[in-house]
Amino acid sequence: MKVSRSHQIVALGAGVALALAACSSGAGDEPDGAGGEDPITVGVLLPLTGSLSALGNEMFNGYKVAQELVNE
């Protein structure tokens, strides 16, 4: 049975959503799920070398700005 490209994309999206839901901590001690003093590690995959390095560096700078805004 041949699987179409759109079905592959939908399956990939569902898999990513399931993985993210499995990694969530749930409600926790905070009623709205926010707060806490524990640091949160966020990783990103960016093209920092090669033909797309200019875009990757711009995205990296954007993540640094967002980090500064969140940590204010």
PDB file of N, CA and C in Angstrom:
ATOM      1  N   MET A   1       0.843  -1.183   0.000  1.00  0.00           N
ATOM      2  CA  MET A   1       0.000   0.000   0.000  1.00  0.00           C
ATOM      3  C   MET A   1       0.884   1.240   0.000  1.00  0.00           C
ATOM      4  N   LYS A   2       0.620   2.138  -0.924  1.00  0.00           N
ATOM      5  CA  LYS A   2       1.402   3.357  -1.043  1.00  0.00           C
ATOM      6  C   LYS A   2       0.757   4.452  -0.187  1.00  0.00           C
ATOM      7  N   VAL A   3       1.575   5.122   0.614  1.00  0.00           N
ATOM      8  CA  VAL A   3       1.100   6.186   1.488  1.00  0.00           C
ATOM      9  C   VAL A   3       1.403   7.520   0.822  1.00  0.00           C
ATOM     10  N   SER A   4       0.394   8.377   0.724  1.00  0.00           N
ATOM     11  CA  SER A   4       0.585   9.666   0.063  1.00  0.00           C
ATOM     12  C   SER A   4       1.398  10.606   0.950  1.00  0.00           C
ATOM     13  N   ARG A   5       1.955  11.617   0.328  1.00  0.00           N
ATOM     14  CA  ARG A   5       2.785  12.598   1.037  1.00  0.00           C
ATOM     15  C   ARG A   5       1.987  13.315   2.124  1.00  0.00           C
ATOM     16  N   SER A   6       0.736  13.646   1.839  1.00  0.00           N
ATOM     17  CA  SER A   6      -0.081  14.351   2.834  1.00  0.00           C
ATOM     18  C   SER A   6      -0.355  13.466   4.048  1.00  0.00           C
ATOM     19  N   HIS A   7      -0.532  12.174   3.832  1.00  0.00           N
ATOM     20  CA  HIS A   7      -0.728  11.274   4.961  1.00  0.00           C
ATOM     21  C   HIS A   7       0.539  11.164   5.792  1.00  0.00           C
ATOM     22  N   GLN A   8       1.688  11.201   5.158  1.00  0.00           N
ATOM     23  CA  GLN A   8       2.943  11.159   5.889  1.00  0.00           C
ATOM     24  C   GLN A   8       3.107  12.398   6.754  1.00  0.00           C
ATOM     25  N   ILE A   9       2.749  13.555   6.214  1.00  0.00           N
ATOM     26  CA  ILE A   9       2.864  14.800   6.963  1.00  0.00           C
ATOM     27  C   ILE A   9       1.910  14.805   8.152  1.00  0.00           C
ATOM     28  N   VAL A  10       0.697  14.339   7.948  1.00  0.00           N
ATOM     29  CA  VAL A  10      -0.276  14.272   9.044  1.00  0.00           C
ATOM     30  C   VAL A  10       0.222  13.308  10.126  1.00  0.00           C
ATOM     31  N   ALA A  11       0.764  12.168   9.726  1.00  0.00           N
ATOM     32  CA  ALA A  11       1.272  11.198  10.694  1.00  0.00           C
ATOM     33  C   ALA A  11       2.452  11.779  11.465  1.00  0.00           C
ATOM     34  N   LEU A  12       3.332  12.502  10.788  1.00  0.00           N
ATOM     35  CA  LEU A  12       4.467  13.125  11.449  1.00  0.00           C
ATOM     36  C   LEU A  12       3.992  14.178  12.451  1.00  0.00           C
ATOM     37  N   GLY A  13       3.029  14.998  12.038  1.00  0.00           N
ATOM     38  CA  GLY A  13       2.482  16.017  12.945  1.00  0.00           C
ATOM     39  C   GLY A  13       1.830  15.396  14.169  1.00  0.00           C
ATOM     40  N   ALA A  14       1.092  14.313  13.972  1.00  0.00           N
ATOM     41  CA  ALA A  14       0.462  13.630  15.103  1.00  0.00           C
ATOM     42  C   ALA A  14       1.514  13.035  16.023  1.00  0.00           C
ATOM     43  N   GLY A  15       2.581  12.498  15.445  1.00  0.00           N
ATOM     44  CA  GLY A  15       3.657  11.936  16.265  1.00  0.00           C
ATOM     45  C   GLY A  15       4.353  12.999  17.088  1.00  0.00           C
ATOM     46  N   VAL A  16       4.611  14.153  16.493  1.00  0.00           N
ATOM     47  CA  VAL A  16       5.246  15.244  17.221  1.00  0.00           C
ATOM     48  C   VAL A  16       4.328  15.747  18.337  1.00  0.00           C
ATOM     49  N   ALA A  17       3.039  15.891  18.038  1.00  0.00           N
ATOM     50  CA  ALA A  17       2.084  16.338  19.061  1.00  0.00           C
ATOM     51  C   ALA A  17       2.012  15.350  20.212  1.00  0.00           C
ATOM     52  N   LEU A  18       2.016  14.076  19.895  1.00  0.00           N
ATOM     53  CA  LEU A  18       1.980  13.045  20.942  1.00  0.00           C
ATOM     54  C   LEU A  18       3.245  13.091  21.783  1.00  0.00           C
ATOM     55  N   ALA A  19       4.395  13.257  21.143  1.00  0.00           N
ATOM     56  CA  ALA A  19       5.653  13.322  21.885  1.00  0.00           C
ATOM     57  C   ALA A  19       5.691  14.539  22.802  1.00  0.00           C
ATOM     58  N   LEU A  20       5.219  15.684  22.314  1.00  0.00           N
ATOM     59  CA  LEU A  20       5.192  16.887  23.155  1.00  0.00           C
ATOM     60  C   LEU A  20       4.223  16.735  24.317  1.00  0.00           C
ATOM     61  N   ALA A  21       3.089  16.104  24.079  1.00  0.00           N
ATOM     62  CA  ALA A  21       2.125  15.893  25.153  1.00  0.00           C
ATOM     63  C   ALA A  21       2.691  14.937  26.201  1.00  0.00           C
ATOM     64  N   ALA A  22       3.443  13.954  25.766  1.00  0.00           N
ATOM     65  CA  ALA A  22       4.024  12.998  26.704  1.00  0.00           C
ATOM     66  C   ALA A  22       5.108  13.640  27.555  1.00  0.00           C
ATOM     67  N   CYS A  23       5.750  14.666  27.024  1.00  0.00           N
ATOM     68  CA  CYS A  23       6.829  15.335  27.750  1.00  0.00           C
ATOM     69  C   CYS A  23       6.328  16.434  28.676  1.00  0.00           C
ATOM     70  N   SER A  24       5.067  16.787  28.586  1.00  0.00           N
ATOM     71  CA  SER A  24       4.564  17.859  29.436  1.00  0.00           C
ATOM     72  C   SER A  24       4.466  17.377  30.867  1.00  0.00           C
ATOM     73  N   SER A  25       4.576  18.327  31.794  1.00  0.00           N
ATOM     74  CA  SER A  25       4.574  17.974  33.203  1.00  0.00           C
ATOM     75  C   SER A  25       3.177  17.971  33.806  1.00  0.00           C
ATOM     76  N   GLY A  26       2.187  18.308  33.041  1.00  0.00           N
ATOM     77  CA  GLY A  26       0.821  18.346  33.577  1.00  0.00           C
ATOM     78  C   GLY A  26       0.588  19.615  34.369  1.00  0.00           C
ATOM     79  N   ALA A  27      -0.428  19.609  35.215  1.00  0.00           N
ATOM     80  CA  ALA A  27      -0.788  20.791  35.993  1.00  0.00           C
ATOM     81  C   ALA A  27       0.247  21.108  37.049  1.00  0.00           C
ATOM     82  N   GLY A  28       0.850  20.090  37.676  1.00  0.00           N
ATOM     83  CA  GLY A  28       1.863  20.329  38.692  1.00  0.00           C
ATOM     84  C   GLY A  28       1.279  20.982  39.927  1.00  0.00           C
ATOM     85  N   ASP A  29       2.135  21.714  40.646  1.00  0.00           N
ATOM     86  CA  ASP A  29       1.707  22.386  41.865  1.00  0.00           C
ATOM     87  C   ASP A  29       1.036  23.719  41.590  1.00  0.00           C
ATOM     88  N   GLU A  30       1.333  24.304  40.461  1.00  0.00           N
ATOM     89  CA  GLU A  30       0.762  25.587  40.106  1.00  0.00           C
ATOM     90  C   GLU A  30      -0.590  25.374  39.429  1.00  0.00           C
ATOM     91  N   PRO A  31      -1.620  26.118  39.814  1.00  0.00           N
ATOM     92  CA  PRO A  31      -2.935  25.916  39.207  1.00  0.00           C
ATOM     93  C   PRO A  31      -2.984  26.225  37.715  1.00  0.00           C
ATOM     94  N   ASP A  32      -2.183  27.194  37.255  1.00  0.00           N
ATOM     95  CA  ASP A  32      -2.222  27.526  35.841  1.00  0.00           C
ATOM     96  C   ASP A  32      -1.061  26.915  35.075  1.00  0.00           C
ATOM     97  N   GLY A  33      -0.251  26.083  35.723  1.00  0.00           N
ATOM     98  CA  GLY A  33       0.863  25.434  35.060  1.00  0.00           C
ATOM     99  C   GLY A  33       2.067  26.339  34.890  1.00  0.00           C
ATOM    100  N   ALA A  34       2.012  27.561  35.404  1.00  0.00           N
ATOM    101  CA  ALA A  34       3.120  28.498  35.254  1.00  0.00           C
ATOM    102  C   ALA A  34       3.865  28.640  36.566  1.00  0.00           C
ATOM    103  N   GLY A  35       4.950  29.341  36.503  1.00  0.00           N
ATOM    104  CA  GLY A  35       5.714  29.617  37.711  1.00  0.00           C
ATOM    105  C   GLY A  35       6.777  28.575  37.962  1.00  0.00           C
ATOM    106  N   GLY A  36       7.314  28.627  39.151  1.00  0.00           N
ATOM    107  CA  GLY A  36       8.360  27.695  39.506  1.00  0.00           C
ATOM    108  C   GLY A  36       9.721  28.334  39.341  1.00  0.00           C
ATOM    109  N   GLU A  37      10.682  27.838  40.077  1.00  0.00           N
ATOM    110  CA  GLU A  37      12.023  28.392  40.049  1.00  0.00           C
ATOM    111  C   GLU A  37      13.002  27.517  39.290  1.00  0.00           C
ATOM    112  N   ASP A  38      12.584  26.335  38.862  1.00  0.00           N
ATOM    113  CA  ASP A  38      13.484  25.445  38.148  1.00  0.00           C
ATOM    114  C   ASP A  38      13.738  25.972  36.744  1.00  0.00           C
ATOM    115  N   PRO A  39      15.004  25.953  36.309  1.00  0.00           N
ATOM    116  CA  PRO A  39      15.283  26.414  34.941  1.00  0.00           C
ATOM    117  C   PRO A  39      14.713  25.452  33.910  1.00  0.00           C
ATOM    118  N   ILE A  40      14.359  25.995  32.772  1.00  0.00           N
ATOM    119  CA  ILE A  40      13.833  25.198  31.666  1.00  0.00           C
ATOM    120  C   ILE A  40      14.853  25.249  30.534  1.00  0.00           C
ATOM    121  N   THR A  41      15.248  24.089  30.055  1.00  0.00           N
ATOM    122  CA  THR A  41      16.195  24.013  28.948  1.00  0.00           C
ATOM    123  C   THR A  41      15.428  23.887  27.648  1.00  0.00           C
ATOM    124  N   VAL A  42      15.742  24.752  26.696  1.00  0.00           N
ATOM    125  CA  VAL A  42      15.100  24.743  25.394  1.00  0.00           C
ATOM    126  C   VAL A  42      16.189  24.555  24.343  1.00  0.00           C
ATOM    127  N   GLY A  43      16.007  23.595  23.472  1.00  0.00           N
ATOM    128  CA  GLY A  43      16.966  23.354  22.407  1.00  0.00           C
ATOM    129  C   GLY A  43      16.349  23.623  21.051  1.00  0.00           C
ATOM    130  N   VAL A  44      17.154  24.093  20.136  1.00  0.00           N
ATOM    131  CA  VAL A  44      16.695  24.344  18.777  1.00  0.00           C
ATOM    132  C   VAL A  44      17.715  23.798  17.789  1.00  0.00           C
ATOM    133  N   LEU A  45      17.233  23.390  16.640  1.00  0.00           N
ATOM    134  CA  LEU A  45      18.103  22.960  15.553  1.00  0.00           C
ATOM    135  C   LEU A  45      18.145  24.070  14.517  1.00  0.00           C
ATOM    136  N   LEU A  46      19.324  24.630  14.308  1.00  0.00           N
ATOM    137  CA  LEU A  46      19.473  25.741  13.380  1.00  0.00           C
ATOM    138  C   LEU A  46      20.615  25.469  12.413  1.00  0.00           C
ATOM    139  N   PRO A  47      20.481  25.939  11.176  1.00  0.00           N
ATOM    140  CA  PRO A  47      21.570  25.787  10.210  1.00  0.00           C
ATOM    141  C   PRO A  47      22.625  26.869  10.434  1.00  0.00           C
ATOM    142  N   LEU A  48      23.650  26.592  11.239  1.00  0.00           N
ATOM    143  CA  LEU A  48      24.670  27.585  11.547  1.00  0.00           C
ATOM    144  C   LEU A  48      25.875  27.508  10.607  1.00  0.00           C
ATOM    145  N   THR A  49      25.898  26.499   9.749  1.00  0.00           N
ATOM    146  CA  THR A  49      26.950  26.391   8.740  1.00  0.00           C
ATOM    147  C   THR A  49      26.296  26.085   7.399  1.00  0.00           C
ATOM    148  N   GLY A  50      27.056  26.253   6.340  1.00  0.00           N
ATOM    149  CA  GLY A  50      26.539  25.921   5.020  1.00  0.00           C
ATOM    150  C   GLY A  50      25.793  27.067   4.377  1.00  0.00           C
ATOM    151  N   SER A  51      25.024  26.726   3.369  1.00  0.00           N
ATOM    152  CA  SER A  51      24.368  27.748   2.547  1.00  0.00           C
ATOM    153  C   SER A  51      23.249  28.497   3.286  1.00  0.00           C
ATOM    154  N   LEU A  52      22.711  27.928   4.337  1.00  0.00           N
ATOM    155  CA  LEU A  52      21.633  28.592   5.081  1.00  0.00           C
ATOM    156  C   LEU A  52      22.113  29.210   6.394  1.00  0.00           C
ATOM    157  N   SER A  53      23.424  29.364   6.550  1.00  0.00           N
ATOM    158  CA  SER A  53      23.953  29.857   7.816  1.00  0.00           C
ATOM    159  C   SER A  53      23.499  31.287   8.130  1.00  0.00           C
ATOM    160  N   ALA A  54      23.283  32.110   7.119  1.00  0.00           N
ATOM    161  CA  ALA A  54      22.829  33.481   7.375  1.00  0.00           C
ATOM    162  C   ALA A  54      21.460  33.467   8.040  1.00  0.00           C
ATOM    163  N   LEU A  55      20.574  32.627   7.565  1.00  0.00           N
ATOM    164  CA  LEU A  55      19.247  32.518   8.185  1.00  0.00           C
ATOM    165  C   LEU A  55      19.347  31.922   9.581  1.00  0.00           C
ATOM    166  N   GLY A  56      20.196  30.922   9.738  1.00  0.00           N
ATOM    167  CA  GLY A  56      20.359  30.282  11.043  1.00  0.00           C
ATOM    168  C   GLY A  56      20.885  31.242  12.084  1.00  0.00           C
ATOM    169  N   ASN A  57      21.841  32.090  11.697  1.00  0.00           N
ATOM    170  CA  ASN A  57      22.375  33.067  12.645  1.00  0.00           C
ATOM    171  C   ASN A  57      21.328  34.094  13.038  1.00  0.00           C
ATOM    172  N   GLU A  58      20.495  34.500  12.085  1.00  0.00           N
ATOM    173  CA  GLU A  58      19.413  35.433  12.407  1.00  0.00           C
ATOM    174  C   GLU A  58      18.403  34.795  13.359  1.00  0.00           C
ATOM    175  N   MET A  59      18.073  33.534  13.127  1.00  0.00           N
ATOM    176  CA  MET A  59      17.146  32.836  14.023  1.00  0.00           C
ATOM    177  C   MET A  59      17.755  32.701  15.414  1.00  0.00           C
ATOM    178  N   PHE A  60      19.051  32.404  15.475  1.00  0.00           N
ATOM    179  CA  PHE A  60      19.731  32.273  16.763  1.00  0.00           C
ATOM    180  C   PHE A  60      19.675  33.586  17.536  1.00  0.00           C
ATOM    181  N   ASN A  61      19.924  34.698  16.838  1.00  0.00           N
ATOM    182  CA  ASN A  61      19.836  36.008  17.483  1.00  0.00           C
ATOM    183  C   ASN A  61      18.422  36.282  17.974  1.00  0.00           C
ATOM    184  N   GLY A  62      17.427  35.864  17.215  1.00  0.00           N
ATOM    185  CA  GLY A  62      16.035  36.022  17.647  1.00  0.00           C
ATOM    186  C   GLY A  62      15.735  35.223  18.904  1.00  0.00           C
ATOM    187  N   TYR A  63      16.279  34.012  18.991  1.00  0.00           N
ATOM    188  CA  TYR A  63      16.085  33.208  20.197  1.00  0.00           C
ATOM    189  C   TYR A  63      16.763  33.847  21.394  1.00  0.00           C
ATOM    190  N   LYS A  64      17.923  34.460  21.198  1.00  0.00           N
ATOM    191  CA  LYS A  64      18.600  35.125  22.310  1.00  0.00           C
ATOM    192  C   LYS A  64      17.779  36.313  22.804  1.00  0.00           C
ATOM    193  N   VAL A  65      17.191  37.071  21.889  1.00  0.00           N
ATOM    194  CA  VAL A  65      16.351  38.207  22.280  1.00  0.00           C
ATOM    195  C   VAL A  65      15.117  37.706  23.042  1.00  0.00           C
ATOM    196  N   ALA A  66      14.506  36.645  22.538  1.00  0.00           N
ATOM    197  CA  ALA A  66      13.329  36.083  23.226  1.00  0.00           C
ATOM    198  C   ALA A  66      13.704  35.595  24.616  1.00  0.00           C
ATOM    199  N   GLN A  67      14.875  34.987  24.746  1.00  0.00           N
ATOM    200  CA  GLN A  67      15.319  34.511  26.063  1.00  0.00           C
ATOM    201  C   GLN A  67      15.481  35.684  27.038  1.00  0.00           C
ATOM    202  N   GLU A  68      16.063  36.769  26.563  1.00  0.00           N
ATOM    203  CA  GLU A  68      16.231  37.940  27.413  1.00  0.00           C
ATOM    204  C   GLU A  68      14.881  38.511  27.842  1.00  0.00           C
ATOM    205  N   LEU A  69      13.914  38.541  26.922  1.00  0.00           N
ATOM    206  CA  LEU A  69      12.583  39.070  27.251  1.00  0.00           C
ATOM    207  C   LEU A  69      11.878  38.192  28.271  1.00  0.00           C
ATOM    208  N   VAL A  70      12.006  36.867  28.120  1.00  0.00           N
ATOM    209  CA  VAL A  70      11.335  35.957  29.043  1.00  0.00           C
ATOM    210  C   VAL A  70      11.973  36.023  30.434  1.00  0.00           C
ATOM    211  N   ASN A  71      13.284  36.198  30.488  1.00  0.00           N
ATOM    212  CA  ASN A  71      13.997  36.177  31.761  1.00  0.00           C
ATOM    213  C   ASN A  71      14.027  37.514  32.471  1.00  0.00           C
ATOM    214  N   GLU A  72      13.371  38.528  31.945  1.00  0.00           N
ATOM    215  CA  GLU A  72      13.334  39.842  32.604  1.00  0.00           C
ATOM    216  C   GLU A  72      12.603  39.776  33.913  1.00  0.00           C
TER     217      GLU A  72
END
